[in-house]
Amino acid sequence: MITMKKTTFSAVDANEIIRLLEEPTEDRRPLKSALERGAPVKELVKALWLSKTVLTSRILCDILGVKRAKTAIPALLNCLNNPDPSLKNDAAEALGKI
């Protein structure tokens, strides 16, 4: 289990973000909070473009919405084209926050 209290994500890249989010775990909330606090927006946006799973994309949409990342708008708009209604909803909510 990864401890999020002392982990910093300022130098994490998109592929590492995806890897961390897709690791099996009982609770992704500590990781999500750590990414919200420390991951670079640029890498979060890149991760959203690269993400292959709905769950990972949904988490990234939420993080980018919380961060009010204007640079994420094109990636979030792209998520609106996904057939999964939960991903569309999360992308729309993120866009509303921005």
C-alpha atoms as a PDB file:
ATOM      1  CA  MET A   1       0.000   0.000   0.000  1.00  0.00           C
ATOM      2  CA  ILE A   2       1.264   3.465  -0.926  1.00  0.00           C
ATOM      3  CA  THR A   3       1.281   6.123   1.789  1.00  0.00           C
ATOM      4  CA  MET A   4       0.084   9.406   0.362  1.00  0.00           C
ATOM      5  CA  LYS A   5       0.976  11.661   3.296  1.00  0.00           C
ATOM      6  CA  LYS A   6       4.643  12.097   2.376  1.00  0.00           C
ATOM      7  CA  THR A   7       4.441  11.418  -1.346  1.00  0.00           C
ATOM      8  CA  THR A   8       4.838  14.412  -3.631  1.00  0.00           C
ATOM      9  CA  PHE A   9       3.715  14.352  -7.210  1.00  0.00           C
ATOM     10  CA  SER A  10       5.273  17.537  -8.572  1.00  0.00           C
ATOM     11  CA  ALA A  11       7.490  15.592 -10.994  1.00  0.00           C
ATOM     12  CA  VAL A  12       5.075  12.798 -11.898  1.00  0.00           C
ATOM     13  CA  ASP A  13       4.381  12.265 -15.600  1.00  0.00           C
ATOM     14  CA  ALA A  14       1.180  11.235 -17.379  1.00  0.00           C
ATOM     15  CA  ASN A  15       2.110   7.578 -17.736  1.00  0.00           C
ATOM     16  CA  GLU A  16       2.902   7.311 -14.033  1.00  0.00           C
ATOM     17  CA  ILE A  17      -0.401   8.993 -13.153  1.00  0.00           C
ATOM     18  CA  ILE A  18      -2.266   6.432 -15.237  1.00  0.00           C
ATOM     19  CA  ARG A  19      -0.266   3.560 -13.741  1.00  0.00           C
ATOM     20  CA  LEU A  20      -1.012   4.728 -10.203  1.00  0.00           C
ATOM     21  CA  LEU A  21      -4.719   5.216 -10.883  1.00  0.00           C
ATOM     22  CA  GLU A  22      -5.042   1.791 -12.472  1.00  0.00           C
ATOM     23  CA  GLU A  23      -3.308  -0.146  -9.688  1.00  0.00           C
ATOM     24  CA  PRO A  24      -5.756  -2.358  -7.809  1.00  0.00           C
ATOM     25  CA  THR A  25      -6.753  -0.752  -4.516  1.00  0.00           C
ATOM     26  CA  GLU A  26      -9.635  -0.647  -2.091  1.00  0.00           C
ATOM     27  CA  ASP A  27      -9.620   3.151  -1.890  1.00  0.00           C
ATOM     28  CA  ARG A  28      -8.348   5.602  -4.525  1.00  0.00           C
ATOM     29  CA  ARG A  29      -9.336   8.684  -2.533  1.00  0.00           C
ATOM     30  CA  PRO A  30      -5.909   9.237  -0.900  1.00  0.00           C
ATOM     31  CA  LEU A  31      -4.210   9.016  -4.295  1.00  0.00           C
ATOM     32  CA  LYS A  32      -6.817  11.293  -5.869  1.00  0.00           C
ATOM     33  CA  SER A  33      -6.285  13.880  -3.129  1.00  0.00           C
ATOM     34  CA  ALA A  34      -2.514  13.686  -3.503  1.00  0.00           C
ATOM     35  CA  LEU A  35      -2.789  14.174  -7.258  1.00  0.00           C
ATOM     36  CA  GLU A  36      -5.120  17.139  -6.745  1.00  0.00           C
ATOM     37  CA  ARG A  37      -2.576  18.746  -4.431  1.00  0.00           C
ATOM     38  CA  GLY A  38       0.631  18.057  -6.295  1.00  0.00           C
ATOM     39  CA  ALA A  39       0.414  16.740  -9.851  1.00  0.00           C
ATOM     40  CA  PRO A  40       1.148  19.191 -12.661  1.00  0.00           C
ATOM     41  CA  VAL A  41      -1.969  20.137 -14.629  1.00  0.00           C
ATOM     42  CA  LYS A  42      -0.092  19.572 -17.882  1.00  0.00           C
ATOM     43  CA  GLU A  43       0.553  15.925 -16.952  1.00  0.00           C
ATOM     44  CA  LEU A  44      -2.998  15.398 -15.687  1.00  0.00           C
ATOM     45  CA  VAL A  45      -4.368  16.662 -19.002  1.00  0.00           C
ATOM     46  CA  LYS A  46      -1.965  14.450 -20.933  1.00  0.00           C
ATOM     47  CA  ALA A  47      -3.035  11.490 -18.791  1.00  0.00           C
ATOM     48  CA  LEU A  48      -6.676  12.187 -19.642  1.00  0.00           C
ATOM     49  CA  TRP A  49      -5.843  12.131 -23.361  1.00  0.00           C
ATOM     50  CA  LEU A  50      -3.903   8.855 -22.930  1.00  0.00           C
ATOM     51  CA  SER A  51      -6.301   7.103 -20.549  1.00  0.00           C
ATOM     52  CA  LYS A  52      -7.878   3.914 -21.887  1.00  0.00           C
ATOM     53  CA  THR A  53     -10.259   3.128 -19.009  1.00  0.00           C
ATOM     54  CA  VAL A  54     -13.450   4.904 -18.040  1.00  0.00           C
ATOM     55  CA  LEU A  55     -12.656   4.855 -14.313  1.00  0.00           C
ATOM     56  CA  THR A  56      -9.258   6.492 -14.794  1.00  0.00           C
ATOM     57  CA  SER A  57     -10.757   9.097 -17.129  1.00  0.00           C
ATOM     58  CA  ARG A  58     -13.544   9.847 -14.658  1.00  0.00           C
ATOM     59  CA  ILE A  59     -11.068  10.385 -11.816  1.00  0.00           C
ATOM     60  CA  LEU A  60      -8.935  12.643 -14.002  1.00  0.00           C
ATOM     61  CA  CYS A  61     -12.003  14.668 -15.027  1.00  0.00           C
ATOM     62  CA  ASP A  62     -12.856  15.181 -11.379  1.00  0.00           C
ATOM     63  CA  ILE A  63      -9.307  16.225 -10.468  1.00  0.00           C
ATOM     64  CA  LEU A  64      -9.103  18.666 -13.379  1.00  0.00           C
ATOM     65  CA  GLY A  65     -12.465  20.151 -12.421  1.00  0.00           C
ATOM     66  CA  VAL A  66     -11.353  20.653  -8.823  1.00  0.00           C
ATOM     67  CA  LYS A  67      -8.182  22.331 -10.101  1.00  0.00           C
ATOM     68  CA  ARG A  68     -10.284  24.460 -12.495  1.00  0.00           C
ATOM     69  CA  ALA A  69      -7.767  23.700 -15.205  1.00  0.00           C
ATOM     70  CA  LYS A  70      -8.629  25.791 -18.247  1.00  0.00           C
ATOM     71  CA  THR A  71      -6.012  23.975 -20.303  1.00  0.00           C
ATOM     72  CA  ALA A  72      -8.041  20.794 -19.790  1.00  0.00           C
ATOM     73  CA  ILE A  73     -11.067  22.093 -21.685  1.00  0.00           C
ATOM     74  CA  PRO A  74     -10.231  20.387 -25.031  1.00  0.00           C
ATOM     75  CA  ALA A  75      -9.603  17.019 -23.323  1.00  0.00           C
ATOM     76  CA  LEU A  76     -12.786  17.355 -21.268  1.00  0.00           C
ATOM     77  CA  LEU A  77     -14.805  18.247 -24.371  1.00  0.00           C
ATOM     78  CA  ASN A  78     -13.390  15.141 -26.017  1.00  0.00           C
ATOM     79  CA  CYS A  79     -14.729  13.058 -23.115  1.00  0.00           C
ATOM     80  CA  LEU A  80     -18.229  14.255 -23.959  1.00  0.00           C
ATOM     81  CA  ASN A  81     -17.977  12.109 -27.114  1.00  0.00           C
ATOM     82  CA  ASN A  82     -17.389   8.935 -25.096  1.00  0.00           C
ATOM     83  CA  PRO A  83     -20.348   6.520 -25.116  1.00  0.00           C
ATOM     84  CA  ASP A  84     -20.144   5.994 -21.331  1.00  0.00           C
ATOM     85  CA  PRO A  85     -22.754   8.255 -19.662  1.00  0.00           C
ATOM     86  CA  SER A  86     -20.858   8.426 -16.352  1.00  0.00           C
ATOM     87  CA  LEU A  87     -17.742   9.750 -18.088  1.00  0.00           C
ATOM     88  CA  LYS A  88     -19.809  12.283 -20.035  1.00  0.00           C
ATOM     89  CA  ASN A  89     -21.389  13.429 -16.763  1.00  0.00           C
ATOM     90  CA  ASP A  90     -18.036  13.787 -14.984  1.00  0.00           C
ATOM     91  CA  ALA A  91     -16.559  15.701 -17.923  1.00  0.00           C
ATOM     92  CA  ALA A  92     -19.571  18.018 -17.996  1.00  0.00           C
ATOM     93  CA  GLU A  93     -19.292  18.633 -14.243  1.00  0.00           C
ATOM     94  CA  ALA A  94     -15.589  19.420 -14.600  1.00  0.00           C
ATOM     95  CA  LEU A  95     -16.319  21.848 -17.423  1.00  0.00           C
ATOM     96  CA  GLY A  96     -18.969  23.504 -15.235  1.00  0.00           C
ATOM     97  CA  LYS A  97     -16.423  24.021 -12.457  1.00  0.00           C
ATOM     98  CA  ILE A  98     -13.970  25.596 -14.869  1.00  0.00           C
END
